[in-house]
Amino acid sequence: MWISRPVYELLPYLYMLVGIALLAAAWVVEAKTWPSVFLTVGALSLMGGLVLWLRRKDYRTKQAEYNSRSLDDKI
């Protein structure tokens, strides 16, 4: 499955935004079950967005350090 580049670049921020919104909803909602569900899903979404963002940042940094020429290219 392929997604467009703008959507792909937006995903970590979207995950983090959803996580923050769910954590805020867990603070506001006064029920028995829902705050724990919001808290769990919100924390996982926030962590997933942060991990995805950091992995992409690390990958792009490491790719910039390597020579982009192929091993088959003649010098």
Protein backbone atom coordinates (compact mmCIF):
# COMPACT_ATOMS: atom_id res chain seq x y z
CA MET A 1 0.00 0.00 0.00
CA TRP A 2 1.34 3.40 -0.98
CA ILE A 3 0.23 6.71 0.45
CA SER A 4 1.05 10.17 -0.80
CA ARG A 5 4.11 11.92 0.63
CA PRO A 6 2.22 14.77 2.39
CA VAL A 7 0.04 12.24 4.23
CA TYR A 8 3.10 10.11 5.06
CA GLU A 9 4.96 13.10 6.49
CA LEU A 10 1.90 14.15 8.52
CA LEU A 11 1.29 10.78 10.21
CA PRO A 12 3.63 11.14 13.25
CA TYR A 13 2.18 14.54 14.06
CA LEU A 14 -1.34 13.21 13.62
CA TYR A 15 -0.62 10.29 15.97
CA MET A 16 0.81 12.66 18.57
CA LEU A 17 -2.15 15.04 18.23
CA VAL A 18 -4.65 12.21 18.67
CA GLY A 19 -2.67 10.97 21.68
CA ILE A 20 -2.69 14.39 23.33
CA ALA A 21 -6.41 14.80 22.62
CA LEU A 22 -7.19 11.42 24.16
CA LEU A 23 -5.05 12.16 27.21
CA ALA A 24 -6.93 15.45 27.64
CA ALA A 25 -10.25 13.62 27.21
CA ALA A 26 -9.23 11.14 29.91
CA TRP A 27 -8.71 14.09 32.25
CA VAL A 28 -12.12 15.64 31.47
CA VAL A 29 -14.41 12.60 31.15
CA GLU A 30 -16.00 11.49 34.40
CA ALA A 31 -17.06 7.89 33.84
CA LYS A 32 -15.82 4.60 35.22
CA THR A 33 -14.35 2.87 32.20
CA TRP A 34 -13.68 5.49 29.51
CA PRO A 35 -10.87 7.48 31.19
CA SER A 36 -8.70 4.37 31.46
CA VAL A 37 -9.36 3.48 27.81
CA PHE A 38 -8.60 7.06 26.70
CA LEU A 39 -5.49 7.12 28.85
CA THR A 40 -4.17 3.82 27.47
CA VAL A 41 -4.91 4.53 23.81
CA GLY A 42 -3.74 8.15 24.15
CA ALA A 43 -0.43 7.15 25.73
CA LEU A 44 0.18 4.48 23.08
CA SER A 45 -0.69 6.87 20.26
CA LEU A 46 1.56 9.60 21.66
CA MET A 47 4.43 7.16 22.13
CA GLY A 48 3.92 5.69 18.67
CA GLY A 49 4.02 9.13 17.08
CA LEU A 50 7.18 10.08 18.96
CA VAL A 51 8.90 6.79 18.06
CA LEU A 52 7.95 7.16 14.40
CA TRP A 53 9.17 10.76 14.30
CA LEU A 54 12.48 9.90 15.99
CA ARG A 55 13.08 6.86 13.75
CA ARG A 56 12.52 8.95 10.61
CA LYS A 57 14.82 11.67 11.92
CA ASP A 58 17.56 9.13 12.70
CA TYR A 59 17.15 7.42 9.31
CA ARG A 60 17.43 10.71 7.42
CA THR A 61 20.49 11.74 9.42
CA LYS A 62 22.25 8.43 8.75
CA GLN A 63 21.35 8.44 5.05
CA ALA A 64 22.95 11.87 4.64
CA GLU A 65 26.24 10.49 6.04
CA TYR A 66 26.59 7.67 3.51
CA ASN A 67 27.83 7.85 -0.07
CA SER A 68 24.85 7.54 -2.40
CA ARG A 69 26.82 5.98 -5.26
CA SER A 70 26.24 2.34 -6.10
CA LEU A 71 28.97 -0.25 -5.65
CA ASP A 72 28.64 -1.05 -9.37
CA ASP A 73 29.52 2.50 -10.43
CA LYS A 74 33.00 2.93 -11.91
CA ILE A 75 35.27 5.49 -10.33
